[in-house]
C-alpha cells in the first residue's frame, strides 16, 4: 500500500488524503522497524499539508499523525 500512496502523492503532492495515508503507512513501518529516513519522509508528508484548516474533517487525524511521528 505504501508504494501506491507514494505514487499517488507524487502525482498530486498537495492532496491531503494522499499525504496523510502515506504518513500513516510510514508510521506503521517505523513502529515495527525504526528508521530515520522513513521518519523524515513521514515528516515531509505532513509538512506538505501543514496548512490544513482546523475546519477540515481530516485535521484531527493530521494532528494525531504529527504527534505519533515525533514520538516514534
C-alpha atoms as a PDB file:
ATOM      1  CA  UNK A   1       0.000   0.000   0.000  1.00  0.00           C
ATOM      2  CA  UNK A   2       2.844   2.380   0.814  1.00  0.00           C
ATOM      3  CA  UNK A   3       4.162   2.320  -2.746  1.00  0.00           C
ATOM      4  CA  UNK A   4       0.700   3.111  -4.118  1.00  0.00           C
ATOM      5  CA  UNK A   5       0.362   6.058  -1.725  1.00  0.00           C
ATOM      6  CA  UNK A   6       3.845   7.291  -2.670  1.00  0.00           C
ATOM      7  CA  UNK A   7       2.934   7.163  -6.359  1.00  0.00           C
ATOM      8  CA  UNK A   8      -0.359   8.961  -5.778  1.00  0.00           C
ATOM      9  CA  UNK A   9       1.368  11.633  -3.732  1.00  0.00           C
ATOM     10  CA  UNK A  10       3.947  12.207  -6.469  1.00  0.00           C
ATOM     11  CA  UNK A  11       1.116  12.780  -8.929  1.00  0.00           C
ATOM     12  CA  UNK A  12      -0.827  15.058  -6.567  1.00  0.00           C
ATOM     13  CA  UNK A  13       1.579  16.403  -3.913  1.00  0.00           C
ATOM     14  CA  UNK A  14      -0.994  18.766  -2.424  1.00  0.00           C
ATOM     15  CA  UNK A  15      -3.640  16.110  -1.943  1.00  0.00           C
ATOM     16  CA  UNK A  16      -4.211  15.964   1.806  1.00  0.00           C
ATOM     17  CA  UNK A  17      -5.622  12.444   1.835  1.00  0.00           C
ATOM     18  CA  UNK A  18      -2.663  11.038  -0.087  1.00  0.00           C
ATOM     19  CA  UNK A  19      -0.194  12.746   2.254  1.00  0.00           C
ATOM     20  CA  UNK A  20      -1.972  11.513   5.378  1.00  0.00           C
ATOM     21  CA  UNK A  21      -2.281   7.969   4.037  1.00  0.00           C
ATOM     22  CA  UNK A  22       1.409   7.914   3.116  1.00  0.00           C
ATOM     23  CA  UNK A  23       2.372   9.232   6.551  1.00  0.00           C
ATOM     24  CA  UNK A  24       0.198   6.653   8.292  1.00  0.00           C
ATOM     25  CA  UNK A  25       1.712   3.819   6.250  1.00  0.00           C
ATOM     26  CA  UNK A  26       5.204   5.055   7.048  1.00  0.00           C
ATOM     27  CA  UNK A  27       4.400   5.208  10.755  1.00  0.00           C
ATOM     28  CA  UNK A  28       3.261   1.589  10.677  1.00  0.00           C
ATOM     29  CA  UNK A  29       6.621   0.587   9.208  1.00  0.00           C
ATOM     30  CA  UNK A  30       8.512   2.735  11.705  1.00  0.00           C
ATOM     31  CA  UNK A  31       6.637   1.096  14.596  1.00  0.00           C
ATOM     32  CA  UNK A  32       7.950  -2.328  13.627  1.00  0.00           C
ATOM     33  CA  UNK A  33      11.388  -1.248  12.425  1.00  0.00           C
ATOM     34  CA  UNK A  34      12.539   2.257  13.404  1.00  0.00           C
ATOM     35  CA  UNK A  35      14.244   4.014  10.515  1.00  0.00           C
ATOM     36  CA  UNK A  36      15.301   7.655  10.496  1.00  0.00           C
ATOM     37  CA  UNK A  37      14.894   8.004   6.714  1.00  0.00           C
ATOM     38  CA  UNK A  38      11.302   6.768   6.894  1.00  0.00           C
ATOM     39  CA  UNK A  39      10.634   9.099   9.806  1.00  0.00           C
ATOM     40  CA  UNK A  40      11.947  12.027   7.767  1.00  0.00           C
ATOM     41  CA  UNK A  41       9.782  11.012   4.798  1.00  0.00           C
ATOM     42  CA  UNK A  42       6.798  10.915   7.138  1.00  0.00           C
ATOM     43  CA  UNK A  43       7.600  14.396   8.450  1.00  0.00           C
ATOM     44  CA  UNK A  44       7.851  15.654   4.869  1.00  0.00           C
ATOM     45  CA  UNK A  45       4.418  14.247   4.033  1.00  0.00           C
ATOM     46  CA  UNK A  46       2.915  16.037   6.996  1.00  0.00           C
ATOM     47  CA  UNK A  47       4.827  19.215   6.210  1.00  0.00           C
ATOM     48  CA  UNK A  48       3.248  19.288   2.743  1.00  0.00           C
ATOM     49  CA  UNK A  49      -0.230  19.616   4.255  1.00  0.00           C
ATOM     50  CA  UNK A  50       0.606  21.767   7.289  1.00  0.00           C
ATOM     51  CA  UNK A  51      -1.821  24.443   6.104  1.00  0.00           C
ATOM     52  CA  UNK A  52      -4.794  22.099   6.541  1.00  0.00           C
ATOM     53  CA  UNK A  53      -7.520  24.212   8.167  1.00  0.00           C
ATOM     54  CA  UNK A  54      -8.920  23.139  11.548  1.00  0.00           C
ATOM     55  CA  UNK A  55     -12.362  23.040   9.941  1.00  0.00           C
ATOM     56  CA  UNK A  56     -11.230  20.188   7.640  1.00  0.00           C
ATOM     57  CA  UNK A  57     -12.587  16.814   8.760  1.00  0.00           C
ATOM     58  CA  UNK A  58      -9.068  15.344   8.442  1.00  0.00           C
ATOM     59  CA  UNK A  59      -7.467  17.897  10.774  1.00  0.00           C
ATOM     60  CA  UNK A  60      -7.661  15.717  13.901  1.00  0.00           C
ATOM     61  CA  UNK A  61      -6.058  12.839  12.025  1.00  0.00           C
ATOM     62  CA  UNK A  62      -3.297  15.196  10.882  1.00  0.00           C
ATOM     63  CA  UNK A  63      -2.623  16.260  14.483  1.00  0.00           C
ATOM     64  CA  UNK A  64      -2.509  12.646  15.682  1.00  0.00           C
ATOM     65  CA  UNK A  65      -0.052  11.698  12.959  1.00  0.00           C
ATOM     66  CA  UNK A  66       2.152  14.677  13.833  1.00  0.00           C
ATOM     67  CA  UNK A  67       2.251  13.562  17.464  1.00  0.00           C
ATOM     68  CA  UNK A  68       2.988   9.951  16.503  1.00  0.00           C
ATOM     69  CA  UNK A  69       5.894  10.818  14.230  1.00  0.00           C
ATOM     70  CA  UNK A  70       7.537  12.880  16.941  1.00  0.00           C
ATOM     71  CA  UNK A  71       7.056  10.085  19.476  1.00  0.00           C
ATOM     72  CA  UNK A  72       8.410   7.430  17.093  1.00  0.00           C
END
